[in-house]
C-alpha atoms as a PDB file:
ATOM      1  CA  MET A   1     -19.131  -8.046  -5.960  1.00  0.00           C
ATOM      2  CA  LEU A   2     -21.194  -6.673  -3.111  1.00  0.00           C
ATOM      3  CA  THR A   3     -20.857  -3.184  -4.557  1.00  0.00           C
ATOM      4  CA  ARG A   4     -22.054  -4.372  -7.970  1.00  0.00           C
ATOM      5  CA  ASP A   5     -25.030  -6.211  -6.469  1.00  0.00           C
ATOM      6  CA  LEU A   6     -26.058  -3.217  -4.347  1.00  0.00           C
ATOM      7  CA  HIS A   7     -25.705  -0.888  -7.312  1.00  0.00           C
ATOM      8  CA  HIS A   8     -27.670  -3.040  -9.771  1.00  0.00           C
ATOM      9  CA  ALA A   9     -30.323  -4.497  -7.476  1.00  0.00           C
ATOM     10  CA  LEU A  10     -31.100  -1.427  -5.391  1.00  0.00           C
ATOM     11  CA  GLY A  11     -30.010   1.411  -7.679  1.00  0.00           C
ATOM     12  CA  ILE A  12     -27.562   2.730  -5.098  1.00  0.00           C
ATOM     13  CA  PRO A  13     -24.890   4.965  -6.690  1.00  0.00           C
ATOM     14  CA  SER A  14     -21.590   3.086  -6.998  1.00  0.00           C
ATOM     15  CA  ARG A  15     -19.735   5.266  -4.493  1.00  0.00           C
ATOM     16  CA  ASP A  16     -22.435   4.779  -1.849  1.00  0.00           C
ATOM     17  CA  ALA A  17     -22.747   1.074  -2.674  1.00  0.00           C
ATOM     18  CA  PHE A  18     -18.989   0.730  -2.108  1.00  0.00           C
ATOM     19  CA  LEU A  19     -19.270   2.321   1.332  1.00  0.00           C
ATOM     20  CA  VAL A  20     -22.225   0.085   2.264  1.00  0.00           C
ATOM     21  CA  ALA A  21     -20.322  -3.007   1.059  1.00  0.00           C
ATOM     22  CA  ARG A  22     -17.333  -2.032   3.214  1.00  0.00           C
ATOM     23  CA  ARG A  23     -19.607  -1.758   6.247  1.00  0.00           C
ATOM     24  CA  LEU A  24     -21.161  -5.139   5.479  1.00  0.00           C
ATOM     25  CA  LEU A  25     -17.665  -6.621   5.351  1.00  0.00           C
ATOM     26  CA  GLY A  26     -16.931  -5.118   8.759  1.00  0.00           C
ATOM     27  CA  ARG A  27     -14.262  -2.720   7.543  1.00  0.00           C
ATOM     28  CA  GLN A  28     -13.871   0.320   9.741  1.00  0.00           C
ATOM     29  CA  GLU A  29     -12.876   3.827   8.727  1.00  0.00           C
ATOM     30  CA  SER A  30      -9.949   5.301  10.620  1.00  0.00           C
ATOM     31  CA  ALA A  31      -9.931   8.793  12.113  1.00  0.00           C
ATOM     32  CA  GLY A  32      -7.869  10.128   9.177  1.00  0.00           C
ATOM     33  CA  GLY A  33     -10.535   9.123   6.648  1.00  0.00           C
ATOM     34  CA  GLY A  34      -8.632   6.047   5.518  1.00  0.00           C
ATOM     35  CA  SER A  35      -9.294   2.441   6.300  1.00  0.00           C
ATOM     36  CA  ASN A  36      -7.393   0.057   8.491  1.00  0.00           C
ATOM     37  CA  GLY A  37      -8.140  -2.646   5.884  1.00  0.00           C
ATOM     38  CA  ASP A  38      -8.978  -5.292   8.463  1.00  0.00           C
ATOM     39  CA  LEU A  39     -12.057  -7.468   8.300  1.00  0.00           C
ATOM     40  CA  ALA A  40     -14.112  -7.828  11.407  1.00  0.00           C
ATOM     41  CA  PRO A  41     -12.963 -10.840  13.467  1.00  0.00           C
ATOM     42  CA  ASP A  42     -16.316 -12.546  12.958  1.00  0.00           C
ATOM     43  CA  ALA A  43     -16.386 -11.948   9.180  1.00  0.00           C
ATOM     44  CA  ASP A  44     -17.686 -15.478   8.516  1.00  0.00           C
ATOM     45  CA  PHE A  45     -21.167 -14.604   9.693  1.00  0.00           C
ATOM     46  CA  ILE A  46     -23.909 -13.136   7.538  1.00  0.00           C
ATOM     47  CA  GLY A  47     -22.885  -9.477   7.555  1.00  0.00           C
ATOM     48  CA  SER A  48     -25.599  -6.973   8.312  1.00  0.00           C
ATOM     49  CA  LEU A  49     -26.154  -3.370   9.202  1.00  0.00           C
ATOM     50  CA  HIS A  50     -29.062  -1.199  10.231  1.00  0.00           C
ATOM     51  CA  ALA A  51     -29.937   1.491   7.707  1.00  0.00           C
ATOM     52  CA  GLY A  52     -32.583   3.246   9.721  1.00  0.00           C
ATOM     53  CA  ALA A  53     -35.200   2.337  12.261  1.00  0.00           C
ATOM     54  CA  PHE A  54     -36.961  -0.157   9.989  1.00  0.00           C
ATOM     55  CA  VAL A  55     -34.346  -1.179   7.419  1.00  0.00           C
ATOM     56  CA  HIS A  56     -31.829  -3.968   7.871  1.00  0.00           C
ATOM     57  CA  ILE A  57     -29.338  -4.842   5.084  1.00  0.00           C
ATOM     58  CA  GLY A  58     -27.516  -8.164   5.102  1.00  0.00           C
ATOM     59  CA  ALA A  59     -24.996 -10.068   3.014  1.00  0.00           C
ATOM     60  CA  ASP A  60     -24.067 -13.748   3.148  1.00  0.00           C
ATOM     61  CA  LEU A  61     -20.309 -13.414   3.530  1.00  0.00           C
ATOM     62  CA  ARG A  62     -19.756 -17.188   3.546  1.00  0.00           C
ATOM     63  CA  ALA A  63     -21.407 -17.527   0.140  1.00  0.00           C
ATOM     64  CA  LEU A  64     -19.442 -14.527  -1.153  1.00  0.00           C
ATOM     65  CA  ARG A  65     -16.154 -15.996   0.070  1.00  0.00           C
ATOM     66  CA  GLU A  66     -16.952 -19.396  -1.496  1.00  0.00           C
ATOM     67  CA  HIS A  67     -17.873 -17.745  -4.802  1.00  0.00           C
ATOM     68  CA  VAL A  68     -14.625 -15.757  -4.864  1.00  0.00           C
ATOM     69  CA  GLN A  69     -12.603 -18.881  -3.998  1.00  0.00           C
ATOM     70  CA  GLN A  70     -14.231 -20.816  -6.857  1.00  0.00           C
ATOM     71  CA  ARG A  71     -13.521 -18.009  -9.319  1.00  0.00           C
ATOM     72  CA  LEU A  72      -9.907 -17.769  -8.152  1.00  0.00           C
ATOM     73  CA  ALA A  73      -9.468 -21.532  -8.509  1.00  0.00           C
ATOM     74  CA  SER A  74     -10.823 -21.368 -12.062  1.00  0.00           C
ATOM     75  CA  ALA A  75      -8.576 -18.431 -12.904  1.00  0.00           C
ATOM     76  CA  VAL A  76      -5.479 -20.213 -11.607  1.00  0.00           C
ATOM     77  CA  GLU A  77      -6.248 -23.248 -13.766  1.00  0.00           C
ATOM     78  CA  ILE A  78      -6.377 -21.252 -17.004  1.00  0.00           C
ATOM     79  CA  VAL A  79      -3.234 -19.213 -16.430  1.00  0.00           C
ATOM     80  CA  VAL A  80      -0.339 -20.574 -18.485  1.00  0.00           C
ATOM     81  CA  ARG A  81       3.046 -20.205 -16.867  1.00  0.00           C
ATOM     82  CA  ARG A  82       5.667 -18.543 -18.969  1.00  0.00           C
ATOM     83  CA  PRO A  83       8.674 -20.772 -19.691  1.00  0.00           C
ATOM     84  CA  ARG A  84      11.675 -19.877 -17.562  1.00  0.00           C
ATOM     85  CA  GLY A  85      15.301 -19.807 -18.551  1.00  0.00           C
ATOM     86  CA  ARG A  86      16.889 -19.291 -21.935  1.00  0.00           C
ATOM     87  CA  PRO A  87      14.903 -19.994 -25.057  1.00  0.00           C
ATOM     88  CA  ALA A  88      15.743 -23.236 -26.862  1.00  0.00           C
ATOM     89  CA  LYS A  89      18.326 -22.907 -29.641  1.00  0.00           C
ATOM     90  CA  SER A  90      16.891 -23.318 -33.077  1.00  0.00           C
ATOM     91  CA  GLY A  91      18.539 -25.703 -35.551  1.00  0.00           C
ATOM     92  CA  GLY A  92      18.831 -23.174 -38.359  1.00  0.00           C
ATOM     93  CA  PRO A  93      17.218 -20.250 -40.012  1.00  0.00           C
ATOM     94  CA  VAL A  94      13.492 -19.892 -39.640  1.00  0.00           C
ATOM     95  CA  SER A  95      11.502 -20.030 -42.886  1.00  0.00           C
ATOM     96  CA  LEU A  96       9.266 -17.052 -43.501  1.00  0.00           C
ATOM     97  CA  GLY A  97       7.182 -18.967 -46.017  1.00  0.00           C
ATOM     98  CA  ASP A  98       6.369 -17.768 -49.517  1.00  0.00           C
ATOM     99  CA  VAL A  99       6.857 -14.031 -49.415  1.00  0.00           C
END
């Protein structure tokens, strides 16, 4: 979501917006070029980074987390669980209608 917002609002290319979003989330790159995948310990705060001497970029991580939680809760409510076990036995042949 941060990547999308950075891309659309600021015109940052998606790849660069993704890297900026990762920094805002406090994710660190490892020496091998990969990521350790951990959020910064204080990831509840309003994430920010300096992008030069006079530019400061911030993201409200609390609001982002709440938004994601609300969307997940909505998604869970609309998912229909598949019936488990054997299908019920039918009483006889199934009519195919007027064919």
